[in-house]
């Protein structure tokens, strides 16, 4: 197995371990965060119905600043959109990433704008 394939396999395993512990319900949906090298996206998902309640992304938006600042902006936007849909509490799904840096900035900004974790 190549080094790249091994890294991807390990990342999928980490994400699966995280998602096995996190389940979104109607009362407490899942805030799924995806951060790539160039973009940040977050969605609030009700797993019981399989529906996205609210979402925010940096794709197509001309955002300035560091990726951490962009992540914080996306956290604010997704929290505002979720509050507009009457969602107060969520469960954070960080995928295969550590709760550090950009993920932490997004979560802190969402908390500051009224989402409960």
PDB file of N, CA and C in Angstrom:
ATOM      1  N   UNK A   1       0.844  -1.174   0.000  1.00  0.00           N
ATOM      2  CA  UNK A   1       0.000   0.000   0.000  1.00  0.00           C
ATOM      3  C   UNK A   1       0.892   1.241   0.000  1.00  0.00           C
ATOM      4  N   UNK A   2       0.549   2.205  -0.840  1.00  0.00           N
ATOM      5  CA  UNK A   2       1.347   3.423  -0.911  1.00  0.00           C
ATOM      6  C   UNK A   2       1.123   4.273   0.336  1.00  0.00           C
ATOM      7  N   UNK A   3       2.008   5.212   0.539  1.00  0.00           N
ATOM      8  CA  UNK A   3       1.906   6.080   1.721  1.00  0.00           C
ATOM      9  C   UNK A   3       0.621   6.907   1.679  1.00  0.00           C
ATOM     10  N   UNK A   4       0.271   7.418   0.491  1.00  0.00           N
ATOM     11  CA  UNK A   4      -0.940   8.227   0.333  1.00  0.00           C
ATOM     12  C   UNK A   4      -2.195   7.393   0.642  1.00  0.00           C
ATOM     13  N   UNK A   5      -2.250   6.182   0.110  1.00  0.00           N
ATOM     14  CA  UNK A   5      -3.399   5.311   0.350  1.00  0.00           C
ATOM     15  C   UNK A   5      -3.513   4.961   1.829  1.00  0.00           C
ATOM     16  N   UNK A   6      -2.389   4.766   2.483  1.00  0.00           N
ATOM     17  CA  UNK A   6      -2.379   4.457   3.910  1.00  0.00           C
ATOM     18  C   UNK A   6      -2.896   5.641   4.733  1.00  0.00           C
ATOM     19  N   UNK A   7      -2.497   6.869   4.355  1.00  0.00           N
ATOM     20  CA  UNK A   7      -2.974   8.063   5.060  1.00  0.00           C
ATOM     21  C   UNK A   7      -4.487   8.210   4.918  1.00  0.00           C
ATOM     22  N   UNK A   8      -4.992   7.975   3.705  1.00  0.00           N
ATOM     23  CA  UNK A   8      -6.426   8.088   3.475  1.00  0.00           C
ATOM     24  C   UNK A   8      -7.197   7.023   4.250  1.00  0.00           C
ATOM     25  N   UNK A   9      -6.668   5.813   4.299  1.00  0.00           N
ATOM     26  CA  UNK A   9      -7.309   4.731   5.049  1.00  0.00           C
ATOM     27  C   UNK A   9      -7.370   5.079   6.535  1.00  0.00           C
ATOM     28  N   UNK A  10      -6.279   5.602   7.075  1.00  0.00           N
ATOM     29  CA  UNK A  10      -6.245   5.994   8.479  1.00  0.00           C
ATOM     30  C   UNK A  10      -7.222   7.131   8.767  1.00  0.00           C
ATOM     31  N   UNK A  11      -7.318   8.114   7.851  1.00  0.00           N
ATOM     32  CA  UNK A  11      -8.242   9.236   8.029  1.00  0.00           C
ATOM     33  C   UNK A  11      -9.685   8.736   8.032  1.00  0.00           C
ATOM     34  N   UNK A  12     -10.018   7.817   7.130  1.00  0.00           N
ATOM     35  CA  UNK A  12     -11.372   7.258   7.098  1.00  0.00           C
ATOM     36  C   UNK A  12     -11.680   6.514   8.396  1.00  0.00           C
ATOM     37  N   UNK A  13     -10.702   5.814   8.951  1.00  0.00           N
ATOM     38  CA  UNK A  13     -10.892   5.115  10.217  1.00  0.00           C
ATOM     39  C   UNK A  13     -11.137   6.064  11.369  1.00  0.00           C
ATOM     40  N   UNK A  14     -10.377   7.166  11.420  1.00  0.00           N
ATOM     41  CA  UNK A  14     -10.578   8.170  12.476  1.00  0.00           C
ATOM     42  C   UNK A  14     -11.965   8.790  12.368  1.00  0.00           C
ATOM     43  N   UNK A  15     -12.380   9.114  11.140  1.00  0.00           N
ATOM     44  CA  UNK A  15     -13.708   9.697  10.936  1.00  0.00           C
ATOM     45  C   UNK A  15     -14.800   8.714  11.340  1.00  0.00           C
ATOM     46  N   UNK A  16     -14.617   7.441  11.026  1.00  0.00           N
ATOM     47  CA  UNK A  16     -15.613   6.425  11.385  1.00  0.00           C
ATOM     48  C   UNK A  16     -15.725   6.277  12.897  1.00  0.00           C
ATOM     49  N   UNK A  17     -14.600   6.335  13.612  1.00  0.00           N
ATOM     50  CA  UNK A  17     -14.633   6.254  15.074  1.00  0.00           C
ATOM     51  C   UNK A  17     -15.393   7.431  15.660  1.00  0.00           C
ATOM     52  N   UNK A  18     -15.173   8.627  15.113  1.00  0.00           N
ATOM     53  CA  UNK A  18     -15.865   9.812  15.599  1.00  0.00           C
ATOM     54  C   UNK A  18     -17.359   9.707  15.332  1.00  0.00           C
ATOM     55  N   UNK A  19     -17.723   9.318  14.109  1.00  0.00           N
ATOM     56  CA  UNK A  19     -19.135   9.267  13.723  1.00  0.00           C
ATOM     57  C   UNK A  19     -19.885   8.134  14.407  1.00  0.00           C
ATOM     58  N   UNK A  20     -19.174   7.114  14.875  1.00  0.00           N
ATOM     59  CA  UNK A  20     -19.828   6.034  15.601  1.00  0.00           C
ATOM     60  C   UNK A  20     -20.341   6.520  16.953  1.00  0.00           C
ATOM     61  N   UNK A  21     -19.714   7.549  17.494  1.00  0.00           N
ATOM     62  CA  UNK A  21     -20.097   8.075  18.807  1.00  0.00           C
ATOM     63  C   UNK A  21     -21.072   9.244  18.712  1.00  0.00           C
ATOM     64  N   UNK A  22     -21.208   9.837  17.525  1.00  0.00           N
ATOM     65  CA  UNK A  22     -22.005  11.048  17.351  1.00  0.00           C
ATOM     66  C   UNK A  22     -23.209  10.741  16.481  1.00  0.00           C
ATOM     67  N   UNK A  23     -24.405  11.027  17.004  1.00  0.00           N
ATOM     68  CA  UNK A  23     -25.635  10.799  16.250  1.00  0.00           C
ATOM     69  C   UNK A  23     -26.514  12.027  16.401  1.00  0.00           C
ATOM     70  N   UNK A  24     -26.981  12.571  15.287  1.00  0.00           N
ATOM     71  CA  UNK A  24     -27.834  13.749  15.316  1.00  0.00           C
ATOM     72  C   UNK A  24     -29.297  13.367  15.424  1.00  0.00           C
ATOM     73  N   UNK A  25     -30.018  14.029  16.297  1.00  0.00           N
ATOM     74  CA  UNK A  25     -31.450  13.786  16.461  1.00  0.00           C
ATOM     75  C   UNK A  25     -32.204  15.067  16.133  1.00  0.00           C
ATOM     76  N   UNK A  26     -33.527  15.016  16.207  1.00  0.00           N
ATOM     77  CA  UNK A  26     -34.326  16.211  15.943  1.00  0.00           C
ATOM     78  C   UNK A  26     -34.090  17.264  17.019  1.00  0.00           C
ATOM     79  N   UNK A  27     -33.927  16.832  18.286  1.00  0.00           N
ATOM     80  CA  UNK A  27     -33.706  17.782  19.380  1.00  0.00           C
ATOM     81  C   UNK A  27     -32.277  18.307  19.386  1.00  0.00           C
ATOM     82  N   UNK A  28     -31.329  17.456  18.998  1.00  0.00           N
ATOM     83  CA  UNK A  28     -29.917  17.810  19.051  1.00  0.00           C
ATOM     84  C   UNK A  28     -29.224  17.304  17.779  1.00  0.00           C
ATOM     85  N   UNK A  29     -29.320  18.072  16.679  1.00  0.00           N
ATOM     86  CA  UNK A  29     -28.731  17.625  15.419  1.00  0.00           C
ATOM     87  C   UNK A  29     -27.201  17.662  15.454  1.00  0.00           C
ATOM     88  N   UNK A  30     -26.609  17.074  14.432  1.00  0.00           N
ATOM     89  CA  UNK A  30     -25.151  16.962  14.326  1.00  0.00           C
ATOM     90  C   UNK A  30     -24.618  18.134  13.518  1.00  0.00           C
ATOM     91  N   UNK A  31     -23.602  18.821  14.056  1.00  0.00           N
ATOM     92  CA  UNK A  31     -22.896  19.877  13.327  1.00  0.00           C
ATOM     93  C   UNK A  31     -21.673  19.236  12.700  1.00  0.00           C
ATOM     94  N   UNK A  32     -21.768  18.925  11.416  1.00  0.00           N
ATOM     95  CA  UNK A  32     -20.689  18.263  10.692  1.00  0.00           C
ATOM     96  C   UNK A  32     -19.777  19.316  10.083  1.00  0.00           C
ATOM     97  N   UNK A  33     -18.473  19.202  10.360  1.00  0.00           N
ATOM     98  CA  UNK A  33     -17.495  20.184   9.899  1.00  0.00           C
ATOM     99  C   UNK A  33     -16.525  19.507   8.945  1.00  0.00           C
ATOM    100  N   UNK A  34     -16.291  20.147   7.798  1.00  0.00           N
ATOM    101  CA  UNK A  34     -15.305  19.657   6.840  1.00  0.00           C
ATOM    102  C   UNK A  34     -14.369  20.807   6.504  1.00  0.00           C
ATOM    103  N   UNK A  35     -13.076  20.595   6.727  1.00  0.00           N
ATOM    104  CA  UNK A  35     -12.078  21.617   6.436  1.00  0.00           C
ATOM    105  C   UNK A  35     -11.029  21.022   5.515  1.00  0.00           C
ATOM    106  N   UNK A  36     -10.891  21.614   4.330  1.00  0.00           N
ATOM    107  CA  UNK A  36      -9.860  21.190   3.391  1.00  0.00           C
ATOM    108  C   UNK A  36      -8.737  22.221   3.428  1.00  0.00           C
ATOM    109  N   UNK A  37      -7.789  22.086   2.535  1.00  0.00           N
ATOM    110  CA  UNK A  37      -6.697  23.060   2.481  1.00  0.00           C
ATOM    111  C   UNK A  37      -7.172  24.430   2.031  1.00  0.00           C
ATOM    112  N   UNK A  38      -8.257  24.485   1.267  1.00  0.00           N
ATOM    113  CA  UNK A  38      -8.701  25.754   0.692  1.00  0.00           C
ATOM    114  C   UNK A  38     -10.060  26.236   1.171  1.00  0.00           C
ATOM    115  N   UNK A  39     -10.916  25.343   1.688  1.00  0.00           N
ATOM    116  CA  UNK A  39     -12.271  25.737   2.035  1.00  0.00           C
ATOM    117  C   UNK A  39     -12.722  25.143   3.370  1.00  0.00           C
ATOM    118  N   UNK A  40     -13.755  25.780   3.920  1.00  0.00           N
ATOM    119  CA  UNK A  40     -14.376  25.330   5.169  1.00  0.00           C
ATOM    120  C   UNK A  40     -15.868  25.215   4.913  1.00  0.00           C
ATOM    121  N   UNK A  41     -16.465  24.120   5.364  1.00  0.00           N
ATOM    122  CA  UNK A  41     -17.916  23.996   5.269  1.00  0.00           C
ATOM    123  C   UNK A  41     -18.440  23.321   6.531  1.00  0.00           C
ATOM    124  N   UNK A  42     -19.671  23.672   6.880  1.00  0.00           N
ATOM    125  CA  UNK A  42     -20.316  23.103   8.060  1.00  0.00           C
ATOM    126  C   UNK A  42     -21.798  22.968   7.769  1.00  0.00           C
ATOM    127  N   UNK A  43     -22.393  21.879   8.258  1.00  0.00           N
ATOM    128  CA  UNK A  43     -23.826  21.685   8.103  1.00  0.00           C
ATOM    129  C   UNK A  43     -24.419  21.104   9.377  1.00  0.00           C
ATOM    130  N   UNK A  44     -25.639  21.491   9.650  1.00  0.00           N
ATOM    131  CA  UNK A  44     -26.380  20.956  10.778  1.00  0.00           C
ATOM    132  C   UNK A  44     -27.332  19.914  10.208  1.00  0.00           C
ATOM    133  N   UNK A  45     -27.185  18.647  10.665  1.00  0.00           N
ATOM    134  CA  UNK A  45     -27.882  17.522  10.051  1.00  0.00           C
ATOM    135  C   UNK A  45     -28.722  16.777  11.083  1.00  0.00           C
ATOM    136  N   UNK A  46     -29.976  16.480  10.715  1.00  0.00           N
ATOM    137  CA  UNK A  46     -30.834  15.603  11.497  1.00  0.00           C
ATOM    138  C   UNK A  46     -30.674  14.206  10.900  1.00  0.00           C
ATOM    139  N   UNK A  47     -29.972  13.315  11.593  1.00  0.00           N
ATOM    140  CA  UNK A  47     -29.693  11.982  11.069  1.00  0.00           C
ATOM    141  C   UNK A  47     -30.923  11.077  11.067  1.00  0.00           C
ATOM    142  N   UNK A  48     -31.905  11.343  11.911  1.00  0.00           N
ATOM    143  CA  UNK A  48     -33.113  10.525  11.939  1.00  0.00           C
ATOM    144  C   UNK A  48     -33.882  10.641  10.624  1.00  0.00           C
ATOM    145  N   UNK A  49     -33.945  11.859  10.085  1.00  0.00           N
ATOM    146  CA  UNK A  49     -34.646  12.088   8.827  1.00  0.00           C
ATOM    147  C   UNK A  49     -33.696  12.130   7.641  1.00  0.00           C
ATOM    148  N   UNK A  50     -32.398  12.259   7.915  1.00  0.00           N
ATOM    149  CA  UNK A  50     -31.428  12.364   6.833  1.00  0.00           C
ATOM    150  C   UNK A  50     -31.505  13.689   6.102  1.00  0.00           C
ATOM    151  N   UNK A  51     -31.814  14.764   6.827  1.00  0.00           N
ATOM    152  CA  UNK A  51     -31.986  16.072   6.202  1.00  0.00           C
ATOM    153  C   UNK A  51     -31.016  17.088   6.787  1.00  0.00           C
ATOM    154  N   UNK A  52     -30.525  17.955   5.906  1.00  0.00           N
ATOM    155  CA  UNK A  52     -29.685  19.069   6.332  1.00  0.00           C
ATOM    156  C   UNK A  52     -30.588  20.224   6.738  1.00  0.00           C
ATOM    157  N   UNK A  53     -30.390  20.714   7.952  1.00  0.00           N
ATOM    158  CA  UNK A  53     -31.218  21.790   8.484  1.00  0.00           C
ATOM    159  C   UNK A  53     -30.639  23.148   8.102  1.00  0.00           C
ATOM    160  N   UNK A  54     -29.325  23.300   8.259  1.00  0.00           N
ATOM    161  CA  UNK A  54     -28.656  24.566   7.943  1.00  0.00           C
ATOM    162  C   UNK A  54     -27.249  24.258   7.465  1.00  0.00           C
ATOM    163  N   UNK A  55     -26.706  25.156   6.650  1.00  0.00           N
ATOM    164  CA  UNK A  55     -25.357  24.940   6.133  1.00  0.00           C
ATOM    165  C   UNK A  55     -24.692  26.275   5.839  1.00  0.00           C
ATOM    166  N   UNK A  56     -23.355  26.259   5.872  1.00  0.00           N
ATOM    167  CA  UNK A  56     -22.558  27.429   5.496  1.00  0.00           C
ATOM    168  C   UNK A  56     -21.246  26.921   4.923  1.00  0.00           C
ATOM    169  N   UNK A  57     -20.732  27.611   3.914  1.00  0.00           N
ATOM    170  CA  UNK A  57     -19.486  27.193   3.280  1.00  0.00           C
ATOM    171  C   UNK A  57     -18.729  28.396   2.753  1.00  0.00           C
ATOM    172  N   UNK A  58     -17.436  28.232   2.602  1.00  0.00           N
ATOM    173  CA  UNK A  58     -16.600  29.285   2.034  1.00  0.00           C
ATOM    174  C   UNK A  58     -16.427  29.104   0.530  1.00  0.00           C
ATOM    175  N   UNK A  59     -16.967  28.035  -0.026  1.00  0.00           N
ATOM    176  CA  UNK A  59     -16.871  27.786  -1.462  1.00  0.00           C
ATOM    177  C   UNK A  59     -17.687  28.838  -2.201  1.00  0.00           C
ATOM    178  N   UNK A  60     -17.074  29.519  -3.135  1.00  0.00           N
ATOM    179  CA  UNK A  60     -17.763  30.539  -3.911  1.00  0.00           C
ATOM    180  C   UNK A  60     -17.811  31.898  -3.249  1.00  0.00           C
ATOM    181  N   UNK A  61     -17.417  32.001  -1.999  1.00  0.00           N
ATOM    182  CA  UNK A  61     -17.416  33.278  -1.289  1.00  0.00           C
ATOM    183  C   UNK A  61     -16.006  33.857  -1.316  1.00  0.00           C
ATOM    184  N   UNK A  62     -15.916  35.125  -1.540  1.00  0.00           N
ATOM    185  CA  UNK A  62     -14.610  35.786  -1.555  1.00  0.00           C
ATOM    186  C   UNK A  62     -14.300  36.247  -0.140  1.00  0.00           C
ATOM    187  N   UNK A  63     -13.721  35.335   0.642  1.00  0.00           N
ATOM    188  CA  UNK A  63     -13.415  35.628   2.036  1.00  0.00           C
ATOM    189  C   UNK A  63     -11.929  35.913   2.174  1.00  0.00           C
ATOM    190  N   UNK A  64     -11.612  36.923   2.945  1.00  0.00           N
ATOM    191  CA  UNK A  64     -10.218  37.290   3.187  1.00  0.00           C
ATOM    192  C   UNK A  64      -9.815  36.869   4.586  1.00  0.00           C
ATOM    193  N   UNK A  65      -8.531  36.678   4.768  1.00  0.00           N
ATOM    194  CA  UNK A  65      -8.006  36.329   6.075  1.00  0.00           C
ATOM    195  C   UNK A  65      -7.426  34.933   6.079  1.00  0.00           C
ATOM    196  N   UNK A  66      -6.965  34.535   7.252  1.00  0.00           N
ATOM    197  CA  UNK A  66      -6.391  33.202   7.396  1.00  0.00           C
ATOM    198  C   UNK A  66      -7.510  32.157   7.417  1.00  0.00           C
ATOM    199  N   UNK A  67      -7.136  30.906   7.273  1.00  0.00           N
ATOM    200  CA  UNK A  67      -8.126  29.831   7.294  1.00  0.00           C
ATOM    201  C   UNK A  67      -8.814  29.747   8.656  1.00  0.00           C
ATOM    202  N   UNK A  68      -8.111  30.093   9.726  1.00  0.00           N
ATOM    203  CA  UNK A  68      -8.722  30.081  11.056  1.00  0.00           C
ATOM    204  C   UNK A  68      -9.802  31.158  11.144  1.00  0.00           C
ATOM    205  N   UNK A  69      -9.538  32.334  10.583  1.00  0.00           N
ATOM    206  CA  UNK A  69     -10.533  33.406  10.576  1.00  0.00           C
ATOM    207  C   UNK A  69     -11.731  33.035   9.703  1.00  0.00           C
ATOM    208  N   UNK A  70     -11.470  32.398   8.577  1.00  0.00           N
ATOM    209  CA  UNK A  70     -12.557  31.956   7.696  1.00  0.00           C
ATOM    210  C   UNK A  70     -13.408  30.906   8.409  1.00  0.00           C
ATOM    211  N   UNK A  71     -12.762  29.990   9.138  1.00  0.00           N
ATOM    212  CA  UNK A  71     -13.493  28.965   9.894  1.00  0.00           C
ATOM    213  C   UNK A  71     -14.388  29.621  10.939  1.00  0.00           C
ATOM    214  N   UNK A  72     -13.895  30.650  11.603  1.00  0.00           N
ATOM    215  CA  UNK A  72     -14.698  31.360  12.599  1.00  0.00           C
ATOM    216  C   UNK A  72     -15.901  32.037  11.942  1.00  0.00           C
ATOM    217  N   UNK A  73     -15.713  32.608  10.770  1.00  0.00           N
ATOM    218  CA  UNK A  73     -16.809  33.247  10.040  1.00  0.00           C
ATOM    219  C   UNK A  73     -17.871  32.222   9.653  1.00  0.00           C
ATOM    220  N   UNK A  74     -17.431  31.054   9.196  1.00  0.00           N
ATOM    221  CA  UNK A  74     -18.371  29.989   8.830  1.00  0.00           C
ATOM    222  C   UNK A  74     -19.115  29.509  10.075  1.00  0.00           C
ATOM    223  N   UNK A  75     -18.437  29.444  11.221  1.00  0.00           N
ATOM    224  CA  UNK A  75     -19.096  29.076  12.474  1.00  0.00           C
ATOM    225  C   UNK A  75     -20.202  30.046  12.838  1.00  0.00           C
ATOM    226  N   UNK A  76     -19.946  31.344  12.652  1.00  0.00           N
ATOM    227  CA  UNK A  76     -20.962  32.356  12.915  1.00  0.00           C
ATOM    228  C   UNK A  76     -22.151  32.187  11.979  1.00  0.00           C
ATOM    229  N   UNK A  77     -21.866  31.979  10.686  1.00  0.00           N
ATOM    230  CA  UNK A  77     -22.937  31.856   9.696  1.00  0.00           C
ATOM    231  C   UNK A  77     -23.801  30.631   9.934  1.00  0.00           C
ATOM    232  N   UNK A  78     -23.181  29.495  10.234  1.00  0.00           N
ATOM    233  CA  UNK A  78     -23.971  28.280  10.444  1.00  0.00           C
ATOM    234  C   UNK A  78     -24.783  28.383  11.726  1.00  0.00           C
ATOM    235  N   UNK A  79     -24.255  29.052  12.751  1.00  0.00           N
ATOM    236  CA  UNK A  79     -25.002  29.238  13.994  1.00  0.00           C
ATOM    237  C   UNK A  79     -26.211  30.139  13.761  1.00  0.00           C
ATOM    238  N   UNK A  80     -26.036  31.186  12.987  1.00  0.00           N
ATOM    239  CA  UNK A  80     -27.141  32.091  12.667  1.00  0.00           C
ATOM    240  C   UNK A  80     -28.219  31.361  11.873  1.00  0.00           C
ATOM    241  N   UNK A  81     -27.795  30.565  10.884  1.00  0.00           N
ATOM    242  CA  UNK A  81     -28.758  29.812  10.073  1.00  0.00           C
ATOM    243  C   UNK A  81     -29.493  28.770  10.911  1.00  0.00           C
ATOM    244  N   UNK A  82     -28.788  28.119  11.832  1.00  0.00           N
ATOM    245  CA  UNK A  82     -29.417  27.109  12.687  1.00  0.00           C
ATOM    246  C   UNK A  82     -30.410  27.755  13.651  1.00  0.00           C
ATOM    247  N   UNK A  83     -30.058  28.898  14.208  1.00  0.00           N
ATOM    248  CA  UNK A  83     -30.969  29.591  15.120  1.00  0.00           C
ATOM    249  C   UNK A  83     -32.224  30.038  14.392  1.00  0.00           C
ATOM    250  N   UNK A  84     -32.088  30.407  13.116  1.00  0.00           N
ATOM    251  CA  UNK A  84     -33.250  30.808  12.330  1.00  0.00           C
ATOM    252  C   UNK A  84     -34.206  29.633  12.126  1.00  0.00           C
ATOM    253  N   UNK A  85     -33.675  28.405  12.165  1.00  0.00           N
ATOM    254  CA  UNK A  85     -34.494  27.192  12.033  1.00  0.00           C
ATOM    255  C   UNK A  85     -34.869  26.616  13.394  1.00  0.00           C
ATOM    256  N   UNK A  86     -34.702  27.402  14.460  1.00  0.00           N
ATOM    257  CA  UNK A  86     -35.071  27.032  15.833  1.00  0.00           C
ATOM    258  C   UNK A  86     -34.236  25.893  16.412  1.00  0.00           C
ATOM    259  N   UNK A  87     -32.965  25.802  16.019  1.00  0.00           N
ATOM    260  CA  UNK A  87     -32.048  24.809  16.575  1.00  0.00           C
ATOM    261  C   UNK A  87     -31.192  25.515  17.615  1.00  0.00           C
ATOM    262  N   UNK A  88     -31.189  24.990  18.844  1.00  0.00           N
ATOM    263  CA  UNK A  88     -30.426  25.622  19.920  1.00  0.00           C
ATOM    264  C   UNK A  88     -29.206  24.811  20.328  1.00  0.00           C
ATOM    265  N   UNK A  89     -29.326  23.467  20.284  1.00  0.00           N
ATOM    266  CA  UNK A  89     -28.244  22.595  20.739  1.00  0.00           C
ATOM    267  C   UNK A  89     -27.843  21.637  19.620  1.00  0.00           C
ATOM    268  N   UNK A  90     -26.545  21.406  19.500  1.00  0.00           N
ATOM    269  CA  UNK A  90     -26.017  20.498  18.480  1.00  0.00           C
ATOM    270  C   UNK A  90     -24.942  19.605  19.094  1.00  0.00           C
ATOM    271  N   UNK A  91     -24.570  18.572  18.336  1.00  0.00           N
ATOM    272  CA  UNK A  91     -23.466  17.693  18.687  1.00  0.00           C
ATOM    273  C   UNK A  91     -22.397  17.922  17.619  1.00  0.00           C
ATOM    274  N   UNK A  92     -21.164  18.179  18.027  1.00  0.00           N
ATOM    275  CA  UNK A  92     -20.101  18.484  17.078  1.00  0.00           C
ATOM    276  C   UNK A  92     -19.528  17.206  16.481  1.00  0.00           C
ATOM    277  N   UNK A  93     -19.507  17.142  15.146  1.00  0.00           N
ATOM    278  CA  UNK A  93     -18.881  16.045  14.413  1.00  0.00           C
ATOM    279  C   UNK A  93     -17.657  16.635  13.716  1.00  0.00           C
ATOM    280  N   UNK A  94     -16.487  16.387  14.301  1.00  0.00           N
ATOM    281  CA  UNK A  94     -15.257  16.966  13.776  1.00  0.00           C
ATOM    282  C   UNK A  94     -14.610  16.107  12.706  1.00  0.00           C
ATOM    283  N   UNK A  95     -15.213  14.969  12.389  1.00  0.00           N
ATOM    284  CA  UNK A  95     -14.666  14.085  11.357  1.00  0.00           C
ATOM    285  C   UNK A  95     -13.359  13.471  11.807  1.00  0.00           C
ATOM    286  N   UNK A  96     -12.335  13.554  10.954  1.00  0.00           N
ATOM    287  CA  UNK A  96     -11.045  12.952  11.291  1.00  0.00           C
ATOM    288  C   UNK A  96     -10.050  13.962  11.852  1.00  0.00           C
ATOM    289  N   UNK A  97     -10.512  15.150  12.172  1.00  0.00           N
ATOM    290  CA  UNK A  97      -9.631  16.219  12.654  1.00  0.00           C
ATOM    291  C   UNK A  97      -9.640  16.291  14.177  1.00  0.00           C
ATOM    292  N   UNK A  98      -8.549  16.812  14.737  1.00  0.00           N
ATOM    293  CA  UNK A  98      -8.485  17.077  16.173  1.00  0.00           C
ATOM    294  C   UNK A  98      -9.290  18.327  16.502  1.00  0.00           C
ATOM    295  N   UNK A  99      -9.772  18.411  17.736  1.00  0.00           N
ATOM    296  CA  UNK A  99     -10.446  19.617  18.194  1.00  0.00           C
ATOM    297  C   UNK A  99      -9.356  20.631  18.545  1.00  0.00           C
ATOM    298  N   UNK A 100      -8.896  21.322  17.509  1.00  0.00           N
ATOM    299  CA  UNK A 100      -7.760  22.214  17.658  1.00  0.00           C
ATOM    300  C   UNK A 100      -7.736  23.137  16.454  1.00  0.00           C
ATOM    301  N   UNK A 101      -7.231  24.338  16.625  1.00  0.00           N
ATOM    302  CA  UNK A 101      -7.039  25.238  15.494  1.00  0.00           C
ATOM    303  C   UNK A 101      -8.329  25.656  14.824  1.00  0.00           C
ATOM    304  N   UNK A 102      -8.498  25.266  13.553  1.00  0.00           N
ATOM    305  CA  UNK A 102      -9.645  25.704  12.759  1.00  0.00           C
ATOM    306  C   UNK A 102     -10.960  25.131  13.273  1.00  0.00           C
ATOM    307  N   UNK A 103     -10.948  23.869  13.689  1.00  0.00           N
ATOM    308  CA  UNK A 103     -12.169  23.252  14.234  1.00  0.00           C
ATOM    309  C   UNK A 103     -12.583  23.979  15.512  1.00  0.00           C
ATOM    310  N   UNK A 104     -11.622  24.268  16.371  1.00  0.00           N
ATOM    311  CA  UNK A 104     -11.894  24.966  17.626  1.00  0.00           C
ATOM    312  C   UNK A 104     -12.409  26.375  17.355  1.00  0.00           C
ATOM    313  N   UNK A 105     -11.821  27.071  16.366  1.00  0.00           N
ATOM    314  CA  UNK A 105     -12.261  28.423  16.026  1.00  0.00           C
ATOM    315  C   UNK A 105     -13.706  28.413  15.536  1.00  0.00           C
ATOM    316  N   UNK A 106     -14.047  27.438  14.698  1.00  0.00           N
ATOM    317  CA  UNK A 106     -15.414  27.326  14.191  1.00  0.00           C
ATOM    318  C   UNK A 106     -16.383  27.046  15.344  1.00  0.00           C
ATOM    319  N   UNK A 107     -16.034  26.109  16.211  1.00  0.00           N
ATOM    320  CA  UNK A 107     -16.905  25.750  17.336  1.00  0.00           C
ATOM    321  C   UNK A 107     -17.078  26.918  18.303  1.00  0.00           C
ATOM    322  N   UNK A 108     -15.997  27.623  18.603  1.00  0.00           N
ATOM    323  CA  UNK A 108     -16.088  28.765  19.517  1.00  0.00           C
ATOM    324  C   UNK A 108     -16.965  29.870  18.939  1.00  0.00           C
ATOM    325  N   UNK A 109     -16.840  30.127  17.637  1.00  0.00           N
ATOM    326  CA  UNK A 109     -17.663  31.148  16.998  1.00  0.00           C
ATOM    327  C   UNK A 109     -19.130  30.735  16.998  1.00  0.00           C
ATOM    328  N   UNK A 110     -19.405  29.455  16.795  1.00  0.00           N
ATOM    329  CA  UNK A 110     -20.784  28.969  16.830  1.00  0.00           C
ATOM    330  C   UNK A 110     -21.362  29.096  18.242  1.00  0.00           C
ATOM    331  N   UNK A 111     -20.555  28.779  19.244  1.00  0.00           N
ATOM    332  CA  UNK A 111     -20.997  28.937  20.647  1.00  0.00           C
ATOM    333  C   UNK A 111     -21.297  30.394  20.958  1.00  0.00           C
ATOM    334  N   UNK A 112     -20.419  31.266  20.508  1.00  0.00           N
ATOM    335  CA  UNK A 112     -20.574  32.696  20.783  1.00  0.00           C
ATOM    336  C   UNK A 112     -21.862  33.233  20.154  1.00  0.00           C
ATOM    337  N   UNK A 113     -22.305  32.624  19.056  1.00  0.00           N
ATOM    338  CA  UNK A 113     -23.517  33.068  18.369  1.00  0.00           C
ATOM    339  C   UNK A 113     -24.758  32.276  18.784  1.00  0.00           C
ATOM    340  N   UNK A 114     -24.682  31.534  19.887  1.00  0.00           N
ATOM    341  CA  UNK A 114     -25.878  30.969  20.475  1.00  0.00           C
ATOM    342  C   UNK A 114     -26.087  29.471  20.372  1.00  0.00           C
ATOM    343  N   UNK A 115     -25.204  28.741  19.700  1.00  0.00           N
ATOM    344  CA  UNK A 115     -25.376  27.288  19.654  1.00  0.00           C
ATOM    345  C   UNK A 115     -24.805  26.664  20.907  1.00  0.00           C
ATOM    346  N   UNK A 116     -25.494  25.647  21.408  1.00  0.00           N
ATOM    347  CA  UNK A 116     -25.058  24.925  22.605  1.00  0.00           C
ATOM    348  C   UNK A 116     -24.456  23.593  22.183  1.00  0.00           C
ATOM    349  N   UNK A 117     -23.302  23.238  22.733  1.00  0.00           N
ATOM    350  CA  UNK A 117     -22.648  21.967  22.406  1.00  0.00           C
ATOM    351  C   UNK A 117     -22.774  21.015  23.568  1.00  0.00           C
TER     352      UNK A 117
END
